[in-house]
Protein backbone atom coordinates (compact mmCIF):
# COMPACT_ATOMS: atom_id res chain seq x y z
CA MET A 1 -0.16 -0.02 0.31
CA ARG A 2 1.64 3.33 -1.13
CA LEU A 3 1.04 6.55 1.50
CA PRO A 4 -0.44 9.74 -0.32
CA ASP A 5 1.80 12.59 -0.59
CA SER A 6 0.79 14.88 1.47
CA ASP A 7 0.96 11.50 4.38
CA LYS A 8 4.38 11.78 3.80
CA LYS A 9 5.27 14.97 4.25
CA VAL A 10 3.61 14.67 7.73
CA ASN A 11 5.33 12.15 8.68
CA PHE A 12 8.76 13.49 7.61
CA LEU A 13 8.03 16.76 9.59
CA SER A 14 7.16 14.31 12.76
CA ILE A 15 10.31 12.82 12.57
CA ARG A 16 12.10 16.16 12.19
CA VAL A 17 10.07 17.67 15.12
CA MET A 18 10.90 14.76 17.24
CA ILE A 19 14.59 14.94 15.93
CA ILE A 20 14.89 18.66 16.98
CA THR A 21 12.98 18.01 20.31
CA PHE A 22 15.62 15.72 21.61
CA SER A 23 18.76 17.69 20.40
CA ILE A 24 17.33 20.48 22.36
CA LEU A 25 16.69 18.20 25.38
CA LEU A 26 20.06 16.76 25.18
CA ILE A 27 21.31 19.97 24.63
CA VAL A 28 19.46 21.11 28.30
CA ALA A 29 20.92 17.78 29.89
CA ILE A 30 24.27 18.51 29.07
CA VAL A 31 24.18 22.60 30.46
CA VAL A 32 22.26 20.65 33.64
CA PHE A 33 24.96 17.89 34.20
CA GLU A 34 27.86 20.21 33.57
CA ALA A 35 25.89 23.11 35.86
CA PHE A 36 25.82 20.38 39.09
CA TRP A 37 28.68 17.86 38.37
CA LYS A 38 31.57 20.51 36.53
CA LYS A 39 34.56 20.70 39.43
CA PRO A 40 34.71 24.49 40.53
CA PRO A 41 38.01 26.04 39.78
CA GLN A 42 40.65 24.97 42.57
CA TYR A 43 42.54 27.87 43.97
CA TYR A 44 46.08 28.15 44.43
CA VAL A 45 46.42 30.01 47.72
CA GLN A 46 49.49 32.24 48.77
CA TYR A 47 50.30 34.53 51.63
CA GLY A 48 53.29 36.70 51.87
CA VAL A 49 54.53 40.23 53.35
CA ALA A 50 55.40 42.96 50.81
CA LEU A 51 54.71 46.77 50.76
CA SER A 52 55.19 46.31 54.57
CA THR A 53 51.96 44.91 54.68
CA ASN A 54 50.52 40.77 54.90
CA VAL A 55 49.45 40.00 51.13
CA THR A 56 47.34 36.94 50.26
CA ILE A 57 46.28 36.01 47.04
CA SER A 58 43.83 33.66 45.86
CA TYR A 59 43.96 32.40 42.00
CA ALA A 60 41.99 30.11 39.85
CA THR A 61 42.39 29.04 36.19
CA GLU A 62 41.55 26.76 33.84
CA LYS A 63 44.71 27.12 32.09
CA GLY A 64 46.63 25.52 34.79
CA ASN A 65 49.69 27.75 36.00
CA ALA A 66 47.90 29.85 38.93
CA LYS A 67 50.72 28.89 40.76
CA GLN A 68 53.32 30.46 38.51
CA VAL A 69 51.12 33.68 37.78
CA VAL A 70 50.91 34.26 41.87
CA GLU A 71 54.45 33.65 42.30
CA THR A 72 54.93 36.49 39.53
CA MET A 73 52.38 38.82 41.08
CA PHE A 74 54.63 38.47 44.32
CA LYS A 75 57.79 39.19 42.50
CA GLU A 76 55.89 42.12 40.85
CA LEU A 77 55.38 43.67 44.50
CA ASP A 78 59.08 43.52 44.95
CA ASN A 79 59.32 45.55 41.76
CA ILE A 80 56.73 47.95 42.97
CA ASN A 81 58.41 48.69 46.28
CA ASN A 82 61.60 49.18 44.61
CA THR A 83 59.76 52.45 42.88
CA PHE A 84 57.27 53.60 45.10
CA ASN A 85 59.02 53.07 48.57
CA PRO A 86 60.52 56.45 49.49
CA TRP A 87 62.21 55.66 52.50
CA ILE A 88 64.43 53.22 51.23
CA SER A 89 67.77 54.63 49.70
CA ASN A 90 67.48 54.58 45.34
CA SER A 91 64.10 53.39 45.27
CA GLU A 92 62.95 55.62 42.49
CA LEU A 93 60.60 57.73 44.73
CA TYR A 94 63.30 58.22 47.02
CA ASN A 95 65.77 59.58 44.13
CA LEU A 96 63.09 61.47 43.25
CA ASN A 97 62.48 63.20 46.92
CA HIS A 98 66.53 64.15 46.88
CA SER A 99 66.94 65.39 43.45
CA ASN A 100 67.12 69.26 45.02
CA GLY A 101 64.15 69.94 42.32
CA GLN A 102 65.95 69.12 39.39
CA TRP A 103 63.80 67.79 36.41
CA THR A 104 64.07 63.66 36.96
CA ARG A 105 63.26 61.38 34.27
CA VAL A 106 60.86 58.57 36.18
CA SER A 107 59.67 55.52 34.82
CA PRO A 108 56.11 55.21 33.65
CA GLU A 109 54.55 53.49 36.00
CA LEU A 110 55.60 56.45 38.71
CA LEU A 111 54.91 59.09 36.46
CA ASP A 112 50.86 57.64 36.00
CA VAL A 113 50.61 57.19 39.65
CA LEU A 114 51.76 60.73 40.16
CA LYS A 115 49.68 62.13 37.58
CA TYR A 116 46.50 60.08 39.39
CA SER A 117 47.61 61.31 42.57
CA VAL A 118 47.46 65.06 41.55
CA GLN A 119 44.08 64.81 39.77
CA ILE A 120 42.65 63.30 43.44
CA ALA A 121 44.10 65.85 45.15
CA GLN A 122 42.45 68.38 42.93
CA LYS A 123 39.09 66.62 43.25
CA THR A 124 39.37 66.78 46.92
CA ASN A 125 40.57 70.23 47.36
CA GLY A 126 43.94 69.09 48.41
CA TYR A 127 43.24 66.78 51.39
CA PHE A 128 44.33 64.09 49.25
CA ASP A 129 47.85 65.09 48.97
CA PRO A 130 50.71 63.11 47.66
CA THR A 131 53.69 65.42 49.07
CA ILE A 132 52.99 64.84 52.91
CA GLY A 133 56.54 62.99 53.08
CA ARG A 134 58.19 65.07 55.27
CA LEU A 135 54.91 64.77 57.60
CA VAL A 136 55.35 61.42 57.64
CA ASP A 137 58.72 61.40 58.37
CA LEU A 138 58.24 64.07 61.12
CA TRP A 139 55.94 62.11 63.23
CA GLY A 140 58.15 58.66 62.73
CA PHE A 141 54.89 57.56 60.93
CA ASN A 142 57.27 56.08 57.96
CA SER A 143 58.62 53.53 60.53
CA THR A 144 56.95 50.09 61.26
CA ASP A 145 58.66 50.56 64.65
CA SER A 146 56.52 52.09 66.95
CA LYS A 147 58.87 53.31 69.42
CA LYS A 148 60.12 55.62 66.93
CA TRP A 149 56.33 57.23 66.73
CA HIS A 150 56.05 60.54 68.59
CA LEU A 151 53.98 63.82 68.78
CA PRO A 152 55.99 66.58 67.55
CA SER A 153 56.09 70.13 68.73
CA SER A 154 54.02 72.75 66.90
CA SER A 155 56.91 74.54 65.96
CA GLU A 156 58.20 71.60 63.95
CA ILE A 157 55.03 71.17 62.43
CA ALA A 158 55.11 74.87 61.46
CA ASN A 159 58.36 74.89 59.85
CA VAL A 160 57.67 71.54 57.86
CA LEU A 161 54.26 72.75 56.28
CA PRO A 162 55.73 75.28 53.88
CA HIS A 163 57.28 71.79 51.89
CA VAL A 164 53.74 70.22 51.59
CA GLY A 165 51.32 70.93 48.79
CA TYR A 166 50.50 69.02 45.78
CA GLN A 167 51.24 72.09 43.37
CA ASN A 168 55.12 71.73 44.54
CA ILE A 169 54.69 68.79 41.60
CA GLN A 170 55.50 69.31 37.92
CA PHE A 171 55.30 67.82 34.86
CA ASP A 172 57.29 67.97 31.67
CA GLY A 173 56.56 64.59 29.64
CA ASP A 174 58.44 61.95 31.36
CA LYS A 175 59.92 64.21 33.43
CA VAL A 176 59.41 65.37 37.22
CA ARG A 177 60.59 67.91 39.36
CA LEU A 178 59.79 68.83 42.86
CA LEU A 179 59.46 72.48 44.70
CA ASN A 180 60.08 73.87 47.77
CA GLY A 181 61.54 70.89 49.15
CA ALA A 182 58.69 69.02 48.78
CA TRP A 183 58.92 65.05 49.63
CA VAL A 184 56.72 62.52 47.74
CA ASP A 185 54.76 59.99 49.58
CA LEU A 186 52.38 57.47 47.92
CA GLY A 187 51.52 55.35 50.94
CA GLY A 188 48.17 56.83 50.76
CA ILE A 189 47.63 54.79 46.81
CA ALA A 190 50.30 52.79 45.96
CA LYS A 191 48.73 49.63 47.42
CA GLY A 192 45.81 50.17 45.70
CA TYR A 193 47.68 50.72 42.84
CA ALA A 194 49.48 47.49 43.42
CA VAL A 195 46.18 45.41 43.93
CA GLN A 196 44.76 47.02 40.86
CA LEU A 197 48.22 45.91 38.85
CA LEU A 198 48.00 42.94 39.86
CA VAL A 199 43.91 41.89 39.43
CA GLU A 200 45.06 43.22 35.67
CA MET A 201 47.98 40.90 35.46
CA ALA A 202 45.71 37.61 36.24
CA LYS A 203 42.53 39.28 33.83
CA LYS A 204 45.91 39.22 31.22
CA ASN A 205 46.65 35.66 31.93
CA ASP A 206 42.94 34.39 31.65
CA PRO A 207 39.76 36.67 31.45
CA ASN A 208 37.89 34.16 32.53
CA SER A 209 40.30 33.29 35.67
CA THR A 210 38.60 33.95 38.99
CA GLY A 211 40.07 35.17 42.66
CA TYR A 212 41.06 38.33 44.72
CA VAL A 213 44.45 39.96 45.70
CA ASP A 214 44.20 40.90 49.33
CA ILE A 215 47.43 43.62 50.34
CA GLY A 216 47.12 44.80 53.83
CA GLY A 217 42.97 45.13 53.39
CA ASP A 218 43.39 46.47 50.07
CA ILE A 219 40.97 44.01 48.17
CA GLY A 220 40.78 43.91 44.63
CA ILE A 221 38.34 41.13 43.02
CA ILE A 222 39.84 38.89 39.86
CA GLY A 223 36.42 37.23 39.53
CA PRO A 224 33.51 35.67 40.72
CA LYS A 225 34.44 32.90 43.29
CA TYR A 226 33.45 29.50 40.95
CA GLY A 227 32.70 31.90 38.69
CA ASN A 228 29.47 32.71 40.02
CA GLN A 229 29.61 33.21 43.75
CA PRO A 230 30.42 36.86 45.29
CA TRP A 231 33.35 37.28 47.67
CA VAL A 232 31.97 38.23 50.88
CA ILE A 233 34.21 40.55 52.53
CA GLY A 234 34.14 42.38 55.96
CA VAL A 235 34.58 45.74 57.51
CA ARG A 236 36.47 45.52 60.36
CA ASN A 237 35.68 47.05 63.61
CA PRO A 238 38.32 49.45 64.09
CA ARG A 239 38.22 49.31 67.83
CA GLY A 240 38.03 45.35 67.87
CA THR A 241 40.31 42.59 66.75
CA SER A 242 40.94 42.06 62.85
CA ASN A 243 38.79 39.29 62.94
CA ASP A 244 36.10 41.08 64.53
CA ALA A 245 33.56 42.86 61.55
CA LEU A 246 31.08 45.31 61.73
CA THR A 247 29.65 44.75 58.47
CA TYR A 248 29.80 42.45 55.32
CA VAL A 249 29.76 43.19 51.83
CA ASN A 250 29.16 41.03 48.53
CA LEU A 251 31.62 41.61 45.76
CA TYR A 252 31.50 39.87 42.28
CA LYS A 253 34.00 42.88 40.93
CA GLY A 254 36.02 46.06 42.18
CA TYR A 255 38.45 47.09 44.39
CA ILE A 256 37.52 47.84 48.29
CA ALA A 257 39.86 49.42 50.79
CA THR A 258 39.55 50.72 54.33
CA SER A 259 41.82 53.71 55.71
CA GLY A 260 41.61 54.07 59.80
CA ASP A 261 43.14 55.33 62.79
CA TYR A 262 43.99 51.97 64.27
CA GLU A 263 46.97 50.99 62.38
CA ARG A 264 50.00 53.62 63.09
CA TYR A 265 48.83 55.76 66.18
CA ILE A 266 50.01 57.11 69.52
CA ILE A 267 47.66 58.24 72.45
CA ILE A 268 48.68 61.32 74.43
CA GLY A 269 46.68 62.98 76.54
CA GLY A 270 44.23 61.18 76.16
CA ARG A 271 43.83 61.71 72.31
CA ARG A 272 44.72 59.73 68.98
CA TYR A 273 47.14 60.35 66.58
CA TYR A 274 47.58 58.75 63.36
CA HIS A 275 49.14 58.21 60.62
CA ILE A 276 46.62 59.50 58.31
CA LEU A 277 47.90 63.30 58.20
CA ASN A 278 45.89 66.47 57.37
CA PRO A 279 48.14 68.03 55.03
CA LYS A 280 46.42 71.25 55.77
CA THR A 281 47.07 71.39 59.55
CA GLY A 282 50.32 68.58 60.01
CA TYR A 283 47.89 66.19 62.38
CA SER A 284 45.62 63.81 62.46
CA ASP A 285 41.72 64.72 62.85
CA ASN A 286 39.46 62.73 64.63
CA TYR A 287 36.58 62.86 62.61
CA PHE A 288 36.43 59.13 61.64
CA GLN A 289 37.83 55.73 63.09
CA SER A 290 37.37 54.29 59.66
CA ILE A 291 36.54 54.94 55.99
CA THR A 292 35.84 51.94 53.64
CA SER A 293 35.32 52.85 49.83
CA ILE A 294 34.48 50.44 47.24
CA SER A 295 34.85 51.27 43.25
CA ASP A 296 36.25 50.19 40.00
CA ASN A 297 39.59 51.65 40.37
CA GLY A 298 41.93 50.39 42.67
CA MET A 299 43.69 53.78 43.31
CA LEU A 300 40.41 55.52 43.73
CA SER A 301 39.16 53.32 46.57
CA ASP A 302 42.84 53.19 48.23
CA ALA A 303 42.63 57.29 48.02
CA PHE A 304 39.37 58.59 48.82
CA GLY A 305 39.60 56.82 52.47
CA THR A 306 42.58 58.91 53.22
CA ALA A 307 41.31 62.21 51.95
CA VAL A 308 37.97 62.08 53.79
CA MET A 309 39.77 60.71 57.22
CA ALA A 310 41.60 63.94 56.62
CA ALA A 311 38.39 66.23 55.30
CA GLY A 312 36.01 65.10 57.54
CA PRO A 313 31.91 64.51 56.67
CA ASN A 314 30.93 67.78 54.61
CA ASP A 315 32.04 66.74 51.63
CA ILE A 316 31.60 63.19 52.09
CA ASN A 317 29.04 62.61 49.94
CA GLN A 318 29.45 65.34 47.35
CA TRP A 319 33.03 62.92 46.80
CA SER A 320 31.69 59.83 46.78
CA GLU A 321 28.89 60.87 43.81
CA MET A 322 31.24 62.96 42.14
CA LEU A 323 33.90 59.88 41.99
CA GLY A 324 31.48 56.94 41.75
CA ILE A 325 32.77 55.52 44.85
CA GLY A 326 30.63 53.46 47.95
CA TYR A 327 31.03 53.97 51.74
CA PHE A 328 31.04 52.89 54.81
CA ALA A 329 32.05 55.19 57.44
CA VAL A 330 32.42 54.70 60.93
CA TYR A 331 32.29 58.33 62.84
CA GLU A 332 34.51 58.68 66.17
CA ASN A 333 31.66 58.07 68.42
CA GLY A 334 31.16 54.83 66.82
CA GLN A 335 28.03 55.57 64.70
CA THR A 336 27.96 54.41 60.69
CA GLN A 337 26.47 56.07 57.64
CA THR A 338 26.77 54.41 54.05
CA ASN A 339 25.89 55.44 50.61
CA THR A 340 23.16 54.08 47.69
CA LEU A 341 25.86 52.74 45.83
CA TRP A 342 27.49 51.43 48.91
CA ASN A 343 24.39 49.46 50.10
CA GLU A 344 23.70 48.43 45.92
CA TYR A 345 27.17 46.20 46.72
CA ALA A 346 26.09 44.97 50.11
CA LYS A 347 22.82 43.38 48.82
């Protein structure tokens, strides 16, 4: 018996629909199988000390070279220290500070950070100022030895203040000149630069890699945890231990940094003096215990907290909106304050 041509077409279409349906179900099954059974990336974690602080790098990549990449990152931190540490002889920044006002050719890395520092100084009315080196030295906060931290006399501070001011940095191509005996100290931005550079190194190795870089509490996210989960980061209680968190924030990307009064400080006459100095007065100010900042730029997150700790609360919302910063502020009395962008990250 022979089927009519119309029945043949119907039968052929039915078979075709069945094949397409089966193919779709097979694809869905494969996707579901991979989602449930594919092993998450294995993180290589390395701890160390660099830039005078503790460093943790956690990194995973399907390329299988996580250990080699992380070891390269730690070597890069040595290069950064030899460039940006103004307190070790013959570092690039040390040589610039001791160039006696002469035009000095600097590396592209130092030039970029100096220019960015001046931009932030301009946007924060000079409260972030990279030329506070002589003040830091006067207080002894350039040393990790707490016995060297001390309260200078008012006359000593008055004598140093004329050497402070970001306007004393001048640029001419790849050359820099420091006027009025200014010394540059990039302690308020160097860790943020280092974190961002290492994150970029990781992403250059593998755009789909994940993990994070933590340099003394400045943290950059390489990629979401296991590829799709946030890294949960605690904000330290400034008056608690290092494991005591006031709140937590969820980060899939970006950079978070904290500036606080609890790392290098002395207490004299019941007042706390700490290493984040107001470049206009020469003293630290007791507006905040800490400022934690989130942005898409490591240097910006680092520098913002430094500026606000010195300037106080009046400009915090204006600056955060202008610069695209999410912040969590802890006032001297323990009260906290956040803005909308921070709350978006914290969800």
